[in-house]
Amino acid sequence: ARSARDSVRDRLRAWKVPGDTCCDAVLLVSELTTNAILHTDSG
């Protein structure tokens, strides 16, 4: 989840996505990644 947050933040900053949108996207990715890891048997 941390790696996902860092990757998304770095990419969106490179794309010059506005700060509020970037912060929301990082939080969304964190939540979605955590849910997938905790609630599925995914590798």
PDB file of all heavy atoms in Angstrom:
ATOM      1  N   ALA A   1       0.842  -1.203   0.000  1.00  0.00           N
ATOM      2  CA  ALA A   1       0.000   0.000   0.000  1.00  0.00           C
ATOM      3  C   ALA A   1       0.879   1.256   0.000  1.00  0.00           C
ATOM      4  O   ALA A   1       0.598   2.218  -0.717  1.00  0.00           O
ATOM      5  CB  ALA A   1      -0.949  -0.004   1.195  1.00  0.00           C
ATOM      6  N   ARG A   2       1.949   1.220   0.770  1.00  0.00           N
ATOM      7  CA  ARG A   2       2.862   2.374   0.785  1.00  0.00           C
ATOM      8  C   ARG A   2       3.536   2.547  -0.567  1.00  0.00           C
ATOM      9  O   ARG A   2       3.668   3.664  -1.075  1.00  0.00           O
ATOM     10  CB  ARG A   2       3.902   2.208   1.877  1.00  0.00           C
ATOM     11  CG  ARG A   2       4.859   3.379   1.912  1.00  0.00           C
ATOM     12  CD  ARG A   2       5.913   3.235   2.974  1.00  0.00           C
ATOM     13  NE  ARG A   2       6.751   4.431   2.942  1.00  0.00           N
ATOM     14  CZ  ARG A   2       7.340   4.934   3.975  1.00  0.00           C
ATOM     15  NH1 ARG A   2       7.195   4.373   5.148  1.00  0.00           N
ATOM     16  NH2 ARG A   2       8.088   6.000   3.860  1.00  0.00           N
ATOM     17  N   SER A   3       3.978   1.455  -1.157  1.00  0.00           N
ATOM     18  CA  SER A   3       4.607   1.523  -2.484  1.00  0.00           C
ATOM     19  C   SER A   3       3.629   2.077  -3.516  1.00  0.00           C
ATOM     20  O   SER A   3       4.013   2.860  -4.385  1.00  0.00           O
ATOM     21  CB  SER A   3       5.096   0.144  -2.921  1.00  0.00           C
ATOM     22  OG  SER A   3       6.095  -0.317  -2.052  1.00  0.00           O
ATOM     23  N   ALA A   4       2.373   1.662  -3.415  1.00  0.00           N
ATOM     24  CA  ALA A   4       1.348   2.165  -4.340  1.00  0.00           C
ATOM     25  C   ALA A   4       1.162   3.671  -4.161  1.00  0.00           C
ATOM     26  O   ALA A   4       1.106   4.414  -5.146  1.00  0.00           O
ATOM     27  CB  ALA A   4       0.031   1.427  -4.120  1.00  0.00           C
ATOM     28  N   ARG A   5       1.068   4.121  -2.919  1.00  0.00           N
ATOM     29  CA  ARG A   5       0.930   5.565  -2.662  1.00  0.00           C
ATOM     30  C   ARG A   5       2.097   6.340  -3.246  1.00  0.00           C
ATOM     31  O   ARG A   5       1.913   7.368  -3.911  1.00  0.00           O
ATOM     32  CB  ARG A   5       0.844   5.837  -1.153  1.00  0.00           C
ATOM     33  CG  ARG A   5      -0.451   5.436  -0.511  1.00  0.00           C
ATOM     34  CD  ARG A   5      -0.568   5.972   0.904  1.00  0.00           C
ATOM     35  NE  ARG A   5       0.499   5.541   1.786  1.00  0.00           N
ATOM     36  CZ  ARG A   5       0.460   4.460   2.553  1.00  0.00           C
ATOM     37  NH1 ARG A   5      -0.592   3.671   2.531  1.00  0.00           N
ATOM     38  NH2 ARG A   5       1.476   4.166   3.349  1.00  0.00           N
ATOM     39  N   ASP A   6       3.317   5.853  -3.004  1.00  0.00           N
ATOM     40  CA  ASP A   6       4.512   6.546  -3.491  1.00  0.00           C
ATOM     41  C   ASP A   6       4.549   6.586  -5.019  1.00  0.00           C
ATOM     42  O   ASP A   6       4.865   7.627  -5.611  1.00  0.00           O
ATOM     43  CB  ASP A   6       5.777   5.867  -2.965  1.00  0.00           C
ATOM     44  CG  ASP A   6       5.951   6.028  -1.457  1.00  0.00           C
ATOM     45  OD1 ASP A   6       5.279   6.890  -0.853  1.00  0.00           O
ATOM     46  OD2 ASP A   6       6.763   5.270  -0.886  1.00  0.00           O
ATOM     47  N   SER A   7       4.212   5.471  -5.666  1.00  0.00           N
ATOM     48  CA  SER A   7       4.215   5.421  -7.137  1.00  0.00           C
ATOM     49  C   SER A   7       3.198   6.383  -7.734  1.00  0.00           C
ATOM     50  O   SER A   7       3.484   7.099  -8.695  1.00  0.00           O
ATOM     51  CB  SER A   7       3.913   3.995  -7.620  1.00  0.00           C
ATOM     52  OG  SER A   7       4.956   3.127  -7.275  1.00  0.00           O
ATOM     53  N   VAL A   8       2.005   6.407  -7.158  1.00  0.00           N
ATOM     54  CA  VAL A   8       0.953   7.293  -7.664  1.00  0.00           C
ATOM     55  C   VAL A   8       1.333   8.756  -7.435  1.00  0.00           C
ATOM     56  O   VAL A   8       1.206   9.589  -8.342  1.00  0.00           O
ATOM     57  CB  VAL A   8      -0.402   6.952  -7.007  1.00  0.00           C
ATOM     58  CG1 VAL A   8      -1.445   8.017  -7.287  1.00  0.00           C
ATOM     59  CG2 VAL A   8      -0.870   5.582  -7.493  1.00  0.00           C
ATOM     60  N   ARG A   9       1.814   9.068  -6.260  1.00  0.00           N
ATOM     61  CA  ARG A   9       2.204  10.456  -5.963  1.00  0.00           C
ATOM     62  C   ARG A   9       3.292  10.925  -6.933  1.00  0.00           C
ATOM     63  O   ARG A   9       3.192  12.019  -7.512  1.00  0.00           O
ATOM     64  CB  ARG A   9       2.716  10.552  -4.522  1.00  0.00           C
ATOM     65  CG  ARG A   9       3.051  11.977  -4.096  1.00  0.00           C
ATOM     66  CD  ARG A   9       3.565  12.057  -2.651  1.00  0.00           C
ATOM     67  NE  ARG A   9       2.625  11.484  -1.692  1.00  0.00           N
ATOM     68  CZ  ARG A   9       2.805  10.319  -1.055  1.00  0.00           C
ATOM     69  NH1 ARG A   9       3.884   9.589  -1.281  1.00  0.00           N
ATOM     70  NH2 ARG A   9       1.912   9.896  -0.195  1.00  0.00           N
ATOM     71  N   ASP A  10       4.300  10.101  -7.153  1.00  0.00           N
ATOM     72  CA  ASP A  10       5.392  10.478  -8.056  1.00  0.00           C
ATOM     73  C   ASP A  10       4.896  10.684  -9.486  1.00  0.00           C
ATOM     74  O   ASP A  10       5.269  11.651 -10.157  1.00  0.00           O
ATOM     75  CB  ASP A  10       6.491   9.416  -8.043  1.00  0.00           C
ATOM     76  CG  ASP A  10       7.250   9.369  -6.723  1.00  0.00           C
ATOM     77  OD1 ASP A  10       7.117  10.303  -5.901  1.00  0.00           O
ATOM     78  OD2 ASP A  10       7.970   8.370  -6.506  1.00  0.00           O
ATOM     79  N   ARG A  11       4.040   9.775  -9.962  1.00  0.00           N
ATOM     80  CA  ARG A  11       3.540   9.881 -11.342  1.00  0.00           C
ATOM     81  C   ARG A  11       2.663  11.118 -11.505  1.00  0.00           C
ATOM     82  O   ARG A  11       2.785  11.855 -12.483  1.00  0.00           O
ATOM     83  CB  ARG A  11       2.768   8.620 -11.718  1.00  0.00           C
ATOM     84  CG  ARG A  11       2.155   8.657 -13.104  1.00  0.00           C
ATOM     85  CD  ARG A  11       3.158   8.911 -14.208  1.00  0.00           C
ATOM     86  NE  ARG A  11       4.263   7.968 -14.099  1.00  0.00           N
ATOM     87  CZ  ARG A  11       5.168   7.757 -15.032  1.00  0.00           C
ATOM     88  NH1 ARG A  11       5.113   8.402 -16.178  1.00  0.00           N
ATOM     89  NH2 ARG A  11       6.154   6.902 -14.851  1.00  0.00           N
ATOM     90  N   LEU A  12       1.760  11.354 -10.563  1.00  0.00           N
ATOM     91  CA  LEU A  12       0.856  12.497 -10.697  1.00  0.00           C
ATOM     92  C   LEU A  12       1.593  13.819 -10.572  1.00  0.00           C
ATOM     93  O   LEU A  12       1.241  14.793 -11.234  1.00  0.00           O
ATOM     94  CB  LEU A  12      -0.290  12.390  -9.685  1.00  0.00           C
ATOM     95  CG  LEU A  12      -1.210  11.185  -9.896  1.00  0.00           C
ATOM     96  CD1 LEU A  12      -2.338  11.203  -8.875  1.00  0.00           C
ATOM     97  CD2 LEU A  12      -1.753  11.125 -11.307  1.00  0.00           C
ATOM     98  N   ARG A  13       2.626  13.857  -9.762  1.00  0.00           N
ATOM     99  CA  ARG A  13       3.454  15.073  -9.698  1.00  0.00           C
ATOM    100  C   ARG A  13       4.162  15.303 -11.026  1.00  0.00           C
ATOM    101  O   ARG A  13       4.259  16.433 -11.493  1.00  0.00           O
ATOM    102  CB  ARG A  13       4.463  14.976  -8.564  1.00  0.00           C
ATOM    103  CG  ARG A  13       3.848  15.202  -7.208  1.00  0.00           C
ATOM    104  CD  ARG A  13       4.878  15.132  -6.111  1.00  0.00           C
ATOM    105  NE  ARG A  13       4.277  15.398  -4.822  1.00  0.00           N
ATOM    106  CZ  ARG A  13       4.854  15.099  -3.667  1.00  0.00           C
ATOM    107  NH1 ARG A  13       6.062  14.554  -3.648  1.00  0.00           N
ATOM    108  NH2 ARG A  13       4.246  15.362  -2.537  1.00  0.00           N
ATOM    109  N   ALA A  14       4.668  14.219 -11.637  1.00  0.00           N
ATOM    110  CA  ALA A  14       5.329  14.343 -12.942  1.00  0.00           C
ATOM    111  C   ALA A  14       4.348  14.841 -14.001  1.00  0.00           C
ATOM    112  O   ALA A  14       4.737  15.580 -14.913  1.00  0.00           O
ATOM    113  CB  ALA A  14       5.938  13.003 -13.357  1.00  0.00           C
ATOM    114  N   TRP A  15       3.077  14.427 -13.885  1.00  0.00           N
ATOM    115  CA  TRP A  15       2.046  14.878 -14.817  1.00  0.00           C
ATOM    116  C   TRP A  15       1.501  16.258 -14.449  1.00  0.00           C
ATOM    117  O   TRP A  15       0.640  16.799 -15.134  1.00  0.00           O
ATOM    118  CB  TRP A  15       0.895  13.890 -14.859  1.00  0.00           C
ATOM    119  CG  TRP A  15       1.188  12.606 -15.567  1.00  0.00           C
ATOM    120  CD1 TRP A  15       2.253  12.301 -16.353  1.00  0.00           C
ATOM    121  CD2 TRP A  15       0.366  11.433 -15.551  1.00  0.00           C
ATOM    122  NE1 TRP A  15       2.154  11.016 -16.835  1.00  0.00           N
ATOM    123  CE2 TRP A  15       1.000  10.461 -16.356  1.00  0.00           C
ATOM    124  CE3 TRP A  15      -0.838  11.100 -14.929  1.00  0.00           C
ATOM    125  CZ2 TRP A  15       0.466   9.193 -16.561  1.00  0.00           C
ATOM    126  CZ3 TRP A  15      -1.364   9.839 -15.120  1.00  0.00           C
ATOM    127  CH2 TRP A  15      -0.716   8.891 -15.940  1.00  0.00           C
ATOM    128  N   LYS A  16       1.965  16.821 -13.331  1.00  0.00           N
ATOM    129  CA  LYS A  16       1.534  18.135 -12.847  1.00  0.00           C
ATOM    130  C   LYS A  16       0.030  18.180 -12.540  1.00  0.00           C
ATOM    131  O   LYS A  16      -0.655  19.166 -12.804  1.00  0.00           O
ATOM    132  CB  LYS A  16       1.932  19.232 -13.817  1.00  0.00           C
ATOM    133  CG  LYS A  16       3.432  19.323 -14.001  1.00  0.00           C
ATOM    134  CD  LYS A  16       3.830  20.507 -14.817  1.00  0.00           C
ATOM    135  CE  LYS A  16       5.295  20.625 -15.117  1.00  0.00           C
ATOM    136  NZ  LYS A  16       6.284  19.999 -14.364  1.00  0.00           N
ATOM    137  N   VAL A  17      -0.467  17.091 -11.964  1.00  0.00           N
ATOM    138  CA  VAL A  17      -1.862  17.043 -11.516  1.00  0.00           C
ATOM    139  C   VAL A  17      -1.973  17.929 -10.279  1.00  0.00           C
ATOM    140  O   VAL A  17      -1.100  17.893  -9.404  1.00  0.00           O
ATOM    141  CB  VAL A  17      -2.272  15.582 -11.205  1.00  0.00           C
ATOM    142  CG1 VAL A  17      -3.623  15.511 -10.528  1.00  0.00           C
ATOM    143  CG2 VAL A  17      -2.270  14.766 -12.489  1.00  0.00           C
ATOM    144  N   PRO A  18      -3.025  18.761 -10.181  1.00  0.00           N
ATOM    145  CA  PRO A  18      -3.179  19.659  -9.033  1.00  0.00           C
ATOM    146  C   PRO A  18      -3.119  18.916  -7.696  1.00  0.00           C
ATOM    147  O   PRO A  18      -3.539  17.759  -7.584  1.00  0.00           O
ATOM    148  CB  PRO A  18      -4.562  20.283  -9.247  1.00  0.00           C
ATOM    149  CG  PRO A  18      -4.796  20.181 -10.711  1.00  0.00           C
ATOM    150  CD  PRO A  18      -4.116  18.910 -11.147  1.00  0.00           C
ATOM    151  N   GLY A  19      -2.616  19.625  -6.678  1.00  0.00           N
ATOM    152  CA  GLY A  19      -2.369  19.045  -5.367  1.00  0.00           C
ATOM    153  C   GLY A  19      -3.546  18.339  -4.727  1.00  0.00           C
ATOM    154  O   GLY A  19      -3.399  17.239  -4.195  1.00  0.00           O
ATOM    155  N   ASP A  20      -4.728  18.973  -4.741  1.00  0.00           N
ATOM    156  CA  ASP A  20      -5.903  18.351  -4.116  1.00  0.00           C
ATOM    157  C   ASP A  20      -6.269  17.047  -4.802  1.00  0.00           C
ATOM    158  O   ASP A  20      -6.580  16.057  -4.144  1.00  0.00           O
ATOM    159  CB  ASP A  20      -7.103  19.297  -4.136  1.00  0.00           C
ATOM    160  CG  ASP A  20      -6.934  20.474  -3.198  1.00  0.00           C
ATOM    161  OD1 ASP A  20      -6.032  20.436  -2.335  1.00  0.00           O
ATOM    162  OD2 ASP A  20      -7.712  21.434  -3.319  1.00  0.00           O
ATOM    163  N   THR A  21      -6.242  17.041  -6.113  1.00  0.00           N
ATOM    164  CA  THR A  21      -6.564  15.832  -6.875  1.00  0.00           C
ATOM    165  C   THR A  21      -5.516  14.764  -6.609  1.00  0.00           C
ATOM    166  O   THR A  21      -5.840  13.585  -6.431  1.00  0.00           O
ATOM    167  CB  THR A  21      -6.658  16.142  -8.378  1.00  0.00           C
ATOM    168  OG1 THR A  21      -7.633  17.159  -8.579  1.00  0.00           O
ATOM    169  CG2 THR A  21      -7.045  14.901  -9.165  1.00  0.00           C
ATOM    170  N   CYS A  22      -4.268  15.152  -6.559  1.00  0.00           N
ATOM    171  CA  CYS A  22      -3.178  14.214  -6.283  1.00  0.00           C
ATOM    172  C   CYS A  22      -3.369  13.580  -4.899  1.00  0.00           C
ATOM    173  O   CYS A  22      -3.266  12.357  -4.754  1.00  0.00           O
ATOM    174  CB  CYS A  22      -1.840  14.934  -6.372  1.00  0.00           C
ATOM    175  SG  CYS A  22      -0.408  13.863  -6.126  1.00  0.00           S
ATOM    176  N   CYS A  23      -3.654  14.377  -3.893  1.00  0.00           N
ATOM    177  CA  CYS A  23      -3.854  13.852  -2.538  1.00  0.00           C
ATOM    178  C   CYS A  23      -5.030  12.887  -2.484  1.00  0.00           C
ATOM    179  O   CYS A  23      -4.944  11.828  -1.849  1.00  0.00           O
ATOM    180  CB  CYS A  23      -4.065  14.998  -1.549  1.00  0.00           C
ATOM    181  SG  CYS A  23      -2.582  15.957  -1.224  1.00  0.00           S
ATOM    182  N   ASP A  24      -6.134  13.249  -3.138  1.00  0.00           N
ATOM    183  CA  ASP A  24      -7.299  12.364  -3.162  1.00  0.00           C
ATOM    184  C   ASP A  24      -6.981  11.056  -3.875  1.00  0.00           C
ATOM    185  O   ASP A  24      -7.380   9.978  -3.431  1.00  0.00           O
ATOM    186  CB  ASP A  24      -8.494  13.044  -3.839  1.00  0.00           C
ATOM    187  CG  ASP A  24      -9.105  14.152  -2.993  1.00  0.00           C
ATOM    188  OD1 ASP A  24      -8.754  14.273  -1.794  1.00  0.00           O
ATOM    189  OD2 ASP A  24      -9.932  14.910  -3.534  1.00  0.00           O
ATOM    190  N   ALA A  25      -6.245  11.141  -4.969  1.00  0.00           N
ATOM    191  CA  ALA A  25      -5.890   9.938  -5.731  1.00  0.00           C
ATOM    192  C   ALA A  25      -4.989   9.019  -4.905  1.00  0.00           C
ATOM    193  O   ALA A  25      -5.163   7.795  -4.912  1.00  0.00           O
ATOM    194  CB  ALA A  25      -5.202  10.320  -7.036  1.00  0.00           C
ATOM    195  N   VAL A  26      -4.052   9.579  -4.194  1.00  0.00           N
ATOM    196  CA  VAL A  26      -3.152   8.788  -3.351  1.00  0.00           C
ATOM    197  C   VAL A  26      -3.952   8.060  -2.276  1.00  0.00           C
ATOM    198  O   VAL A  26      -3.739   6.872  -2.020  1.00  0.00           O
ATOM    199  CB  VAL A  26      -2.044   9.675  -2.742  1.00  0.00           C
ATOM    200  CG1 VAL A  26      -1.292   8.957  -1.632  1.00  0.00           C
ATOM    201  CG2 VAL A  26      -1.084  10.143  -3.826  1.00  0.00           C
ATOM    202  N   LEU A  27      -4.896   8.755  -1.650  1.00  0.00           N
ATOM    203  CA  LEU A  27      -5.733   8.119  -0.631  1.00  0.00           C
ATOM    204  C   LEU A  27      -6.606   7.024  -1.237  1.00  0.00           C
ATOM    205  O   LEU A  27      -6.738   5.931  -0.669  1.00  0.00           O
ATOM    206  CB  LEU A  27      -6.595   9.163   0.077  1.00  0.00           C
ATOM    207  CG  LEU A  27      -7.488   8.655   1.202  1.00  0.00           C
ATOM    208  CD1 LEU A  27      -6.703   7.866   2.243  1.00  0.00           C
ATOM    209  CD2 LEU A  27      -8.220   9.815   1.845  1.00  0.00           C
ATOM    210  N   LEU A  28      -7.193   7.285  -2.405  1.00  0.00           N
ATOM    211  CA  LEU A  28      -8.009   6.270  -3.070  1.00  0.00           C
ATOM    212  C   LEU A  28      -7.198   5.021  -3.393  1.00  0.00           C
ATOM    213  O   LEU A  28      -7.640   3.896  -3.134  1.00  0.00           O
ATOM    214  CB  LEU A  28      -8.624   6.833  -4.354  1.00  0.00           C
ATOM    215  CG  LEU A  28      -9.788   7.795  -4.176  1.00  0.00           C
ATOM    216  CD1 LEU A  28     -10.129   8.466  -5.499  1.00  0.00           C
ATOM    217  CD2 LEU A  28     -10.998   7.080  -3.615  1.00  0.00           C
ATOM    218  N   VAL A  29      -6.023   5.190  -3.952  1.00  0.00           N
ATOM    219  CA  VAL A  29      -5.178   4.045  -4.288  1.00  0.00           C
ATOM    220  C   VAL A  29      -4.797   3.280  -3.027  1.00  0.00           C
ATOM    221  O   VAL A  29      -4.798   2.047  -3.013  1.00  0.00           O
ATOM    222  CB  VAL A  29      -3.931   4.490  -5.078  1.00  0.00           C
ATOM    223  CG1 VAL A  29      -2.887   3.394  -5.132  1.00  0.00           C
ATOM    224  CG2 VAL A  29      -4.337   4.905  -6.478  1.00  0.00           C
ATOM    225  N   SER A  30      -4.501   3.983  -1.964  1.00  0.00           N
ATOM    226  CA  SER A  30      -4.152   3.334  -0.715  1.00  0.00           C
ATOM    227  C   SER A  30      -5.303   2.466  -0.212  1.00  0.00           C
ATOM    228  O   SER A  30      -5.113   1.308   0.177  1.00  0.00           O
ATOM    229  CB  SER A  30      -3.783   4.387   0.332  1.00  0.00           C
ATOM    230  OG  SER A  30      -3.388   3.777   1.535  1.00  0.00           O
ATOM    231  N   GLU A  31      -6.507   3.012  -0.222  1.00  0.00           N
ATOM    232  CA  GLU A  31      -7.682   2.265   0.257  1.00  0.00           C
ATOM    233  C   GLU A  31      -7.988   1.071  -0.646  1.00  0.00           C
ATOM    234  O   GLU A  31      -8.269  -0.017  -0.157  1.00  0.00           O
ATOM    235  CB  GLU A  31      -8.896   3.189   0.353  1.00  0.00           C
ATOM    236  CG  GLU A  31      -8.780   4.247   1.426  1.00  0.00           C
ATOM    237  CD  GLU A  31      -8.594   3.687   2.830  1.00  0.00           C
ATOM    238  OE1 GLU A  31      -9.085   2.577   3.113  1.00  0.00           O
ATOM    239  OE2 GLU A  31      -7.938   4.358   3.639  1.00  0.00           O
ATOM    240  N   LEU A  32      -7.944   1.282  -1.946  1.00  0.00           N
ATOM    241  CA  LEU A  32      -8.254   0.185  -2.878  1.00  0.00           C
ATOM    242  C   LEU A  32      -7.208  -0.920  -2.802  1.00  0.00           C
ATOM    243  O   LEU A  32      -7.541  -2.111  -2.849  1.00  0.00           O
ATOM    244  CB  LEU A  32      -8.380   0.721  -4.302  1.00  0.00           C
ATOM    245  CG  LEU A  32      -9.548   1.679  -4.545  1.00  0.00           C
ATOM    246  CD1 LEU A  32      -9.521   2.194  -5.977  1.00  0.00           C
ATOM    247  CD2 LEU A  32     -10.877   1.029  -4.223  1.00  0.00           C
ATOM    248  N   THR A  33      -5.946  -0.539  -2.680  1.00  0.00           N
ATOM    249  CA  THR A  33      -4.883  -1.536  -2.560  1.00  0.00           C
ATOM    250  C   THR A  33      -5.031  -2.324  -1.264  1.00  0.00           C
ATOM    251  O   THR A  33      -4.959  -3.556  -1.257  1.00  0.00           O
ATOM    252  CB  THR A  33      -3.496  -0.858  -2.610  1.00  0.00           C
ATOM    253  OG1 THR A  33      -3.375  -0.137  -3.834  1.00  0.00           O
ATOM    254  CG2 THR A  33      -2.378  -1.876  -2.506  1.00  0.00           C
ATOM    255  N   THR A  34      -5.260  -1.629  -0.178  1.00  0.00           N
ATOM    256  CA  THR A  34      -5.434  -2.298   1.114  1.00  0.00           C
ATOM    257  C   THR A  34      -6.609  -3.256   1.086  1.00  0.00           C
ATOM    258  O   THR A  34      -6.505  -4.398   1.555  1.00  0.00           O
ATOM    259  CB  THR A  34      -5.603  -1.252   2.229  1.00  0.00           C
ATOM    260  OG1 THR A  34      -4.429  -0.417   2.265  1.00  0.00           O
ATOM    261  CG2 THR A  34      -5.799  -1.913   3.581  1.00  0.00           C
ATOM    262  N   ASN A  35      -7.735  -2.827   0.513  1.00  0.00           N
ATOM    263  CA  ASN A  35      -8.908  -3.710   0.421  1.00  0.00           C
ATOM    264  C   ASN A  35      -8.593  -4.962  -0.384  1.00  0.00           C
ATOM    265  O   ASN A  35      -8.968  -6.069   0.008  1.00  0.00           O
ATOM    266  CB  ASN A  35     -10.090  -2.983  -0.215  1.00  0.00           C
ATOM    267  CG  ASN A  35     -10.796  -2.068   0.755  1.00  0.00           C
ATOM    268  OD1 ASN A  35     -10.519  -2.080   1.942  1.00  0.00           O
ATOM    269  ND2 ASN A  35     -11.697  -1.265   0.242  1.00  0.00           N
ATOM    270  N   ALA A  36      -7.921  -4.801  -1.511  1.00  0.00           N
ATOM    271  CA  ALA A  36      -7.594  -5.958  -2.348  1.00  0.00           C
ATOM    272  C   ALA A  36      -6.679  -6.929  -1.609  1.00  0.00           C
ATOM    273  O   ALA A  36      -6.854  -8.146  -1.685  1.00  0.00           O
ATOM    274  CB  ALA A  36      -6.944  -5.495  -3.643  1.00  0.00           C
ATOM    275  N   ILE A  37      -5.721  -6.391  -0.878  1.00  0.00           N
ATOM    276  CA  ILE A  37      -4.768  -7.238  -0.163  1.00  0.00           C
ATOM    277  C   ILE A  37      -5.435  -7.961   1.006  1.00  0.00           C
ATOM    278  O   ILE A  37      -5.210  -9.145   1.226  1.00  0.00           O
ATOM    279  CB  ILE A  37      -3.560  -6.401   0.298  1.00  0.00           C
ATOM    280  CG1 ILE A  37      -2.750  -5.976  -0.927  1.00  0.00           C
ATOM    281  CG2 ILE A  37      -2.704  -7.163   1.299  1.00  0.00           C
ATOM    282  CD1 ILE A  37      -1.723  -4.898  -0.657  1.00  0.00           C
ATOM    283  N   LEU A  38      -6.285  -7.260   1.739  1.00  0.00           N
ATOM    284  CA  LEU A  38      -6.905  -7.853   2.924  1.00  0.00           C
ATOM    285  C   LEU A  38      -8.087  -8.765   2.616  1.00  0.00           C
ATOM    286  O   LEU A  38      -8.349  -9.702   3.369  1.00  0.00           O
ATOM    287  CB  LEU A  38      -7.370  -6.746   3.877  1.00  0.00           C
ATOM    288  CG  LEU A  38      -6.290  -5.904   4.531  1.00  0.00           C
ATOM    289  CD1 LEU A  38      -6.918  -4.844   5.417  1.00  0.00           C
ATOM    290  CD2 LEU A  38      -5.317  -6.772   5.328  1.00  0.00           C
ATOM    291  N   HIS A  39      -8.808  -8.497   1.535  1.00  0.00           N
ATOM    292  CA  HIS A  39     -10.075  -9.190   1.309  1.00  0.00           C
ATOM    293  C   HIS A  39     -10.095 -10.129   0.106  1.00  0.00           C
ATOM    294  O   HIS A  39     -11.164 -10.597  -0.283  1.00  0.00           O
ATOM    295  CB  HIS A  39     -11.212  -8.172   1.200  1.00  0.00           C
ATOM    296  CG  HIS A  39     -11.328  -7.305   2.419  1.00  0.00           C
ATOM    297  ND1 HIS A  39     -11.675  -7.798   3.652  1.00  0.00           N
ATOM    298  CD2 HIS A  39     -11.114  -5.979   2.590  1.00  0.00           C
ATOM    299  CE1 HIS A  39     -11.678  -6.813   4.536  1.00  0.00           C
ATOM    300  NE2 HIS A  39     -11.337  -5.704   3.919  1.00  0.00           N
ATOM    301  N   THR A  40      -8.945 -10.375  -0.502  1.00  0.00           N
ATOM    302  CA  THR A  40      -8.873 -11.360  -1.588  1.00  0.00           C
ATOM    303  C   THR A  40      -7.670 -12.258  -1.334  1.00  0.00           C
ATOM    304  O   THR A  40      -6.824 -11.962  -0.501  1.00  0.00           O
ATOM    305  CB  THR A  40      -8.718 -10.699  -2.980  1.00  0.00           C
ATOM    306  OG1 THR A  40      -7.412 -10.123  -3.083  1.00  0.00           O
ATOM    307  CG2 THR A  40      -9.786  -9.643  -3.226  1.00  0.00           C
ATOM    308  N   ASP A  41      -7.606 -13.347  -2.049  1.00  0.00           N
ATOM    309  CA  ASP A  41      -6.456 -14.237  -1.958  1.00  0.00           C
ATOM    310  C   ASP A  41      -5.465 -13.957  -3.085  1.00  0.00           C
ATOM    311  O   ASP A  41      -4.800 -14.852  -3.569  1.00  0.00           O
ATOM    312  CB  ASP A  41      -6.921 -15.698  -2.028  1.00  0.00           C
ATOM    313  CG  ASP A  41      -7.670 -16.109  -0.782  1.00  0.00           C
ATOM    314  OD1 ASP A  41      -7.362 -15.576   0.299  1.00  0.00           O
ATOM    315  OD2 ASP A  41      -8.569 -16.962  -0.885  1.00  0.00           O
ATOM    316  N   SER A  42      -5.384 -12.720  -3.500  1.00  0.00           N
ATOM    317  CA  SER A  42      -4.514 -12.341  -4.608  1.00  0.00           C
ATOM    318  C   SER A  42      -3.049 -12.493  -4.248  1.00  0.00           C
ATOM    319  O   SER A  42      -2.634 -12.221  -3.119  1.00  0.00           O
ATOM    320  CB  SER A  42      -4.764 -10.881  -5.002  1.00  0.00           C
ATOM    321  OG  SER A  42      -6.069 -10.707  -5.472  1.00  0.00           O
ATOM    322  N   GLY A  43      -2.258 -12.876  -5.238  1.00  0.00           N
ATOM    323  CA  GLY A  43      -0.814 -12.904  -5.080  1.00  0.00           C
ATOM    324  C   GLY A  43      -0.185 -11.592  -5.500  1.00  0.00           C
ATOM    325  O   GLY A  43       0.923 -11.260  -5.115  1.00  0.00           O
TER     326      GLY A  43
END
